[in-house]
Amino acid sequence: MDNATPIPGYGDLLQAAWSLGRADGLFAAAFEPDVAPLPATDVCQGRHPDEFAAELWGDQPGPPPSGLTVNAPLWYAAGFTVGLADERRRIAARRREAFAWIRVRTRPIPRAQG
């Protein structure tokens, strides 16, 4: 009996591309300018679409599905955009909370009259 892992489905591979893009977007939020253009869809993690599809395909037998070369970069870019937006919202919320806390801590202490 062979204990080989099953070949991932096409949807699983696209989801992996999206997840990689989201992780990169989360990381990039710390240093990407707010006016940064959308990520280019022809490069994913520094790879061309063929290389990215092969990376997703891994050690599976045969070449990756032909549609993966076209669609994986699009899913990666979508994940990157979501990750970037999510992390920027989280950073902005933390700044608002920190500012609110500073305002509470620096209020003057009320003094009794008389």
N, C-alpha and C. Protein backbone atom coordinates (compact mmCIF):
# COMPACT_ATOMS: atom_id res chain seq x y z
N MET A 1 0.84 -1.18 0.00
CA MET A 1 0.00 0.00 0.00
C MET A 1 0.89 1.24 0.00
N ASP A 2 0.57 2.16 -0.85
CA ASP A 2 1.36 3.38 -1.01
C ASP A 2 0.80 4.48 -0.11
N ASN A 3 1.68 5.14 0.64
CA ASN A 3 1.27 6.21 1.53
C ASN A 3 1.51 7.59 0.93
N ALA A 4 1.53 7.68 -0.38
CA ALA A 4 1.78 8.95 -1.05
C ALA A 4 0.61 9.91 -0.79
N THR A 5 0.95 11.18 -0.70
CA THR A 5 -0.10 12.17 -0.51
C THR A 5 -0.88 12.32 -1.81
N PRO A 6 -2.17 12.55 -1.71
CA PRO A 6 -2.96 12.69 -2.94
C PRO A 6 -2.59 13.97 -3.68
N ILE A 7 -2.79 13.95 -4.97
CA ILE A 7 -2.53 15.13 -5.79
C ILE A 7 -3.52 16.21 -5.40
N PRO A 8 -3.04 17.43 -5.11
CA PRO A 8 -3.97 18.49 -4.70
C PRO A 8 -4.90 18.86 -5.85
N GLY A 9 -6.10 19.24 -5.49
CA GLY A 9 -7.06 19.68 -6.50
C GLY A 9 -6.71 21.07 -7.01
N TYR A 10 -7.27 21.40 -8.14
CA TYR A 10 -7.00 22.71 -8.75
C TYR A 10 -7.41 23.84 -7.80
N GLY A 11 -8.56 23.71 -7.16
CA GLY A 11 -9.01 24.72 -6.21
C GLY A 11 -8.07 24.85 -5.02
N ASP A 12 -7.52 23.72 -4.58
CA ASP A 12 -6.56 23.76 -3.47
C ASP A 12 -5.31 24.54 -3.86
N LEU A 13 -4.86 24.36 -5.09
CA LEU A 13 -3.67 25.07 -5.56
C LEU A 13 -3.93 26.57 -5.66
N LEU A 14 -5.11 26.94 -6.14
CA LEU A 14 -5.44 28.36 -6.22
C LEU A 14 -5.58 28.96 -4.83
N GLN A 15 -6.14 28.19 -3.90
CA GLN A 15 -6.25 28.67 -2.52
C GLN A 15 -4.87 28.85 -1.90
N ALA A 16 -3.95 27.97 -2.23
CA ALA A 16 -2.58 28.11 -1.74
C ALA A 16 -1.94 29.38 -2.29
N ALA A 17 -2.18 29.68 -3.57
CA ALA A 17 -1.65 30.91 -4.16
C ALA A 17 -2.23 32.13 -3.46
N TRP A 18 -3.54 32.10 -3.18
CA TRP A 18 -4.19 33.21 -2.48
C TRP A 18 -3.60 33.37 -1.08
N SER A 19 -3.40 32.26 -0.38
CA SER A 19 -2.85 32.31 0.97
C SER A 19 -1.43 32.87 0.98
N LEU A 20 -0.63 32.48 0.00
CA LEU A 20 0.73 33.03 -0.09
C LEU A 20 0.69 34.53 -0.35
N GLY A 21 -0.21 34.95 -1.23
CA GLY A 21 -0.35 36.37 -1.51
C GLY A 21 -0.81 37.14 -0.28
N ARG A 22 -1.76 36.59 0.46
CA ARG A 22 -2.25 37.26 1.67
C ARG A 22 -1.13 37.40 2.70
N ALA A 23 -0.37 36.34 2.88
CA ALA A 23 0.74 36.39 3.84
C ALA A 23 1.75 37.47 3.43
N ASP A 24 2.04 37.55 2.14
CA ASP A 24 2.96 38.59 1.67
C ASP A 24 2.37 39.98 1.86
N GLY A 25 1.06 40.12 1.65
CA GLY A 25 0.40 41.41 1.86
C GLY A 25 0.44 41.84 3.31
N LEU A 26 0.23 40.88 4.22
CA LEU A 26 0.30 41.20 5.65
C LEU A 26 1.70 41.70 6.01
N PHE A 27 2.70 41.05 5.47
CA PHE A 27 4.08 41.44 5.74
C PHE A 27 4.41 42.80 5.12
N ALA A 28 3.94 43.02 3.90
CA ALA A 28 4.28 44.23 3.16
C ALA A 28 3.62 45.49 3.72
N ALA A 29 2.56 45.34 4.49
CA ALA A 29 1.83 46.51 5.00
C ALA A 29 2.71 47.41 5.85
N ALA A 30 3.72 46.85 6.47
CA ALA A 30 4.58 47.65 7.35
C ALA A 30 5.45 48.63 6.58
N PHE A 31 5.75 48.34 5.33
CA PHE A 31 6.68 49.22 4.61
C PHE A 31 6.18 49.68 3.25
N GLU A 32 5.07 49.17 2.77
CA GLU A 32 4.52 49.64 1.49
C GLU A 32 3.86 50.99 1.71
N PRO A 33 4.10 51.95 0.82
CA PRO A 33 3.41 53.24 0.97
C PRO A 33 1.91 53.07 0.74
N ASP A 34 1.13 53.95 1.34
CA ASP A 34 -0.32 53.85 1.22
C ASP A 34 -0.81 54.02 -0.21
N VAL A 35 -0.03 54.69 -1.03
CA VAL A 35 -0.43 54.93 -2.41
C VAL A 35 0.22 53.93 -3.36
N ALA A 36 0.66 52.81 -2.83
CA ALA A 36 1.33 51.80 -3.66
C ALA A 36 0.36 51.25 -4.70
N PRO A 37 0.83 51.02 -5.91
CA PRO A 37 -0.05 50.44 -6.93
C PRO A 37 -0.36 48.99 -6.59
N LEU A 38 -1.38 48.47 -7.22
CA LEU A 38 -1.71 47.07 -7.03
C LEU A 38 -0.54 46.20 -7.49
N PRO A 39 -0.37 45.04 -6.89
CA PRO A 39 0.76 44.20 -7.28
C PRO A 39 0.64 43.75 -8.73
N ALA A 40 1.78 43.63 -9.37
CA ALA A 40 1.79 43.14 -10.75
C ALA A 40 1.40 41.67 -10.74
N THR A 41 0.58 41.27 -11.67
CA THR A 41 0.10 39.89 -11.67
C THR A 41 1.04 38.94 -12.39
N ASP A 42 2.11 39.45 -12.99
CA ASP A 42 3.00 38.54 -13.71
C ASP A 42 4.17 38.07 -12.87
N VAL A 43 4.29 38.52 -11.63
CA VAL A 43 5.36 38.07 -10.75
C VAL A 43 4.76 37.73 -9.39
N CYS A 44 5.06 36.54 -8.90
CA CYS A 44 4.55 36.09 -7.62
C CYS A 44 5.71 35.59 -6.78
N GLN A 45 5.96 36.26 -5.68
CA GLN A 45 7.09 35.93 -4.82
C GLN A 45 8.39 35.89 -5.62
N GLY A 46 8.54 36.81 -6.54
CA GLY A 46 9.75 36.91 -7.33
C GLY A 46 9.86 35.88 -8.44
N ARG A 47 8.79 35.18 -8.72
CA ARG A 47 8.82 34.14 -9.76
C ARG A 47 7.90 34.52 -10.91
N HIS A 48 8.24 34.04 -12.08
CA HIS A 48 7.35 34.18 -13.23
C HIS A 48 6.20 33.18 -13.07
N PRO A 49 5.11 33.37 -13.78
CA PRO A 49 3.95 32.49 -13.61
C PRO A 49 4.27 31.00 -13.76
N ASP A 50 5.12 30.64 -14.72
CA ASP A 50 5.47 29.22 -14.89
C ASP A 50 6.19 28.68 -13.65
N GLU A 51 7.12 29.47 -13.13
CA GLU A 51 7.87 29.05 -11.95
C GLU A 51 6.97 28.99 -10.72
N PHE A 52 6.06 29.95 -10.61
CA PHE A 52 5.14 29.97 -9.47
C PHE A 52 4.22 28.76 -9.51
N ALA A 53 3.70 28.44 -10.69
CA ALA A 53 2.84 27.26 -10.83
C ALA A 53 3.61 25.99 -10.48
N ALA A 54 4.86 25.91 -10.92
CA ALA A 54 5.67 24.74 -10.60
C ALA A 54 5.93 24.65 -9.09
N GLU A 55 6.12 25.79 -8.45
CA GLU A 55 6.32 25.81 -6.99
C GLU A 55 5.07 25.32 -6.27
N LEU A 56 3.91 25.76 -6.72
CA LEU A 56 2.66 25.30 -6.11
C LEU A 56 2.45 23.81 -6.35
N TRP A 57 2.80 23.36 -7.53
CA TRP A 57 2.61 21.96 -7.91
C TRP A 57 3.53 21.05 -7.10
N GLY A 58 4.69 21.55 -6.76
CA GLY A 58 5.62 20.79 -5.91
C GLY A 58 6.19 19.58 -6.61
N ASP A 59 6.25 18.47 -5.89
CA ASP A 59 6.85 17.23 -6.40
C ASP A 59 5.84 16.29 -7.03
N GLN A 60 4.68 16.80 -7.37
CA GLN A 60 3.66 15.95 -7.98
C GLN A 60 4.12 15.50 -9.36
N PRO A 61 3.69 14.34 -9.78
CA PRO A 61 4.12 13.85 -11.10
C PRO A 61 3.54 14.69 -12.24
N GLY A 62 4.32 14.86 -13.26
CA GLY A 62 3.87 15.59 -14.44
C GLY A 62 3.92 17.09 -14.25
N PRO A 63 3.58 17.80 -15.30
CA PRO A 63 3.58 19.27 -15.21
C PRO A 63 2.34 19.77 -14.47
N PRO A 64 2.39 20.99 -13.95
CA PRO A 64 1.20 21.55 -13.29
C PRO A 64 0.08 21.78 -14.31
N PRO A 65 -1.16 21.84 -13.85
CA PRO A 65 -2.26 22.12 -14.78
C PRO A 65 -2.01 23.42 -15.54
N SER A 66 -2.39 23.45 -16.79
CA SER A 66 -2.10 24.61 -17.64
C SER A 66 -2.77 25.88 -17.13
N GLY A 67 -3.95 25.78 -16.60
CA GLY A 67 -4.65 26.96 -16.10
C GLY A 67 -4.01 27.56 -14.86
N LEU A 68 -3.20 26.78 -14.17
CA LEU A 68 -2.55 27.27 -12.96
C LEU A 68 -1.56 28.39 -13.28
N THR A 69 -0.90 28.29 -14.42
CA THR A 69 0.04 29.33 -14.83
C THR A 69 -0.66 30.67 -15.03
N VAL A 70 -1.88 30.63 -15.52
CA VAL A 70 -2.63 31.85 -15.78
C VAL A 70 -3.34 32.35 -14.53
N ASN A 71 -3.97 31.45 -13.79
CA ASN A 71 -4.84 31.86 -12.69
C ASN A 71 -4.14 32.03 -11.35
N ALA A 72 -3.09 31.29 -11.08
CA ALA A 72 -2.42 31.40 -9.78
C ALA A 72 -1.91 32.82 -9.52
N PRO A 73 -1.30 33.50 -10.50
CA PRO A 73 -0.88 34.88 -10.23
C PRO A 73 -2.05 35.82 -9.90
N LEU A 74 -3.19 35.58 -10.51
CA LEU A 74 -4.36 36.42 -10.21
C LEU A 74 -4.85 36.18 -8.79
N TRP A 75 -4.86 34.93 -8.37
CA TRP A 75 -5.27 34.60 -7.00
C TRP A 75 -4.24 35.12 -6.01
N TYR A 76 -2.98 35.04 -6.36
CA TYR A 76 -1.92 35.59 -5.50
C TYR A 76 -2.13 37.09 -5.32
N ALA A 77 -2.37 37.80 -6.41
CA ALA A 77 -2.57 39.25 -6.35
C ALA A 77 -3.80 39.60 -5.52
N ALA A 78 -4.86 38.82 -5.66
CA ALA A 78 -6.07 39.06 -4.87
C ALA A 78 -5.78 38.85 -3.38
N GLY A 79 -5.06 37.80 -3.05
CA GLY A 79 -4.70 37.55 -1.66
C GLY A 79 -3.79 38.63 -1.11
N PHE A 80 -2.85 39.10 -1.93
CA PHE A 80 -1.94 40.17 -1.52
C PHE A 80 -2.74 41.43 -1.18
N THR A 81 -3.68 41.77 -2.03
CA THR A 81 -4.50 42.97 -1.82
C THR A 81 -5.31 42.85 -0.53
N VAL A 82 -5.89 41.68 -0.29
CA VAL A 82 -6.67 41.47 0.93
C VAL A 82 -5.77 41.54 2.16
N GLY A 83 -4.62 40.89 2.10
CA GLY A 83 -3.70 40.92 3.24
C GLY A 83 -3.21 42.32 3.54
N LEU A 84 -2.89 43.06 2.51
CA LEU A 84 -2.42 44.44 2.68
C LEU A 84 -3.51 45.29 3.34
N ALA A 85 -4.73 45.17 2.85
CA ALA A 85 -5.84 45.96 3.41
C ALA A 85 -6.15 45.54 4.84
N ASP A 86 -6.15 44.24 5.11
CA ASP A 86 -6.44 43.76 6.47
C ASP A 86 -5.41 44.28 7.47
N GLU A 87 -4.15 44.20 7.10
CA GLU A 87 -3.10 44.63 8.03
C GLU A 87 -3.12 46.14 8.21
N ARG A 88 -3.39 46.88 7.16
CA ARG A 88 -3.47 48.34 7.30
C ARG A 88 -4.63 48.73 8.21
N ARG A 89 -5.76 48.03 8.10
CA ARG A 89 -6.88 48.30 9.01
C ARG A 89 -6.50 47.98 10.45
N ARG A 90 -5.80 46.87 10.65
CA ARG A 90 -5.39 46.48 12.00
C ARG A 90 -4.42 47.51 12.58
N ILE A 91 -3.47 47.97 11.78
CA ILE A 91 -2.51 48.98 12.23
C ILE A 91 -3.23 50.28 12.58
N ALA A 92 -4.17 50.69 11.74
CA ALA A 92 -4.91 51.93 12.00
C ALA A 92 -5.74 51.81 13.28
N ALA A 93 -6.35 50.66 13.50
CA ALA A 93 -7.15 50.46 14.72
C ALA A 93 -6.26 50.52 15.96
N ARG A 94 -5.08 49.92 15.88
CA ARG A 94 -4.16 49.96 17.03
C ARG A 94 -3.71 51.39 17.31
N ARG A 95 -3.49 52.17 16.26
CA ARG A 95 -3.09 53.57 16.45
C ARG A 95 -4.22 54.36 17.11
N ARG A 96 -5.46 54.13 16.64
CA ARG A 96 -6.61 54.83 17.24
C ARG A 96 -6.75 54.47 18.71
N GLU A 97 -6.60 53.18 19.03
CA GLU A 97 -6.71 52.75 20.42
C GLU A 97 -5.60 53.35 21.27
N ALA A 98 -4.40 53.39 20.74
CA ALA A 98 -3.28 53.97 21.48
C ALA A 98 -3.51 55.46 21.71
N PHE A 99 -4.00 56.16 20.70
CA PHE A 99 -4.26 57.59 20.84
C PHE A 99 -5.36 57.83 21.87
N ALA A 100 -6.41 57.02 21.82
CA ALA A 100 -7.50 57.17 22.80
C ALA A 100 -6.98 56.93 24.21
N TRP A 101 -6.12 55.96 24.38
CA TRP A 101 -5.56 55.67 25.70
C TRP A 101 -4.70 56.83 26.18
N ILE A 102 -3.93 57.41 25.30
CA ILE A 102 -3.10 58.56 25.67
C ILE A 102 -3.98 59.73 26.09
N ARG A 103 -5.07 59.95 25.37
CA ARG A 103 -5.97 61.05 25.72
C ARG A 103 -6.59 60.83 27.09
N VAL A 104 -6.95 59.59 27.40
CA VAL A 104 -7.54 59.29 28.71
C VAL A 104 -6.50 59.50 29.81
N ARG A 105 -5.29 59.07 29.57
CA ARG A 105 -4.24 59.15 30.59
C ARG A 105 -3.75 60.58 30.82
N THR A 106 -3.92 61.45 29.86
CA THR A 106 -3.39 62.81 30.00
C THR A 106 -4.46 63.85 30.32
N ARG A 107 -5.66 63.43 30.63
CA ARG A 107 -6.70 64.38 31.03
C ARG A 107 -6.33 64.99 32.37
N PRO A 108 -6.68 66.24 32.55
CA PRO A 108 -6.40 66.84 33.86
C PRO A 108 -7.25 66.20 34.95
N ILE A 109 -6.70 66.12 36.12
CA ILE A 109 -7.42 65.55 37.25
C ILE A 109 -8.38 66.61 37.78
N PRO A 110 -9.66 66.26 37.92
CA PRO A 110 -10.60 67.26 38.43
C PRO A 110 -10.28 67.61 39.88
N ARG A 111 -10.32 68.86 40.18
CA ARG A 111 -10.04 69.34 41.54
C ARG A 111 -11.34 69.83 42.17
N ALA A 112 -11.47 69.59 43.43
CA ALA A 112 -12.67 70.05 44.15
C ALA A 112 -12.60 71.56 44.36
N GLN A 113 -13.71 72.20 44.26
CA GLN A 113 -13.78 73.65 44.48
C GLN A 113 -13.93 73.92 45.98
N GLY A 114 -13.15 74.83 46.46
CA GLY A 114 -13.36 75.36 47.78
C GLY A 114 -12.73 74.73 48.88
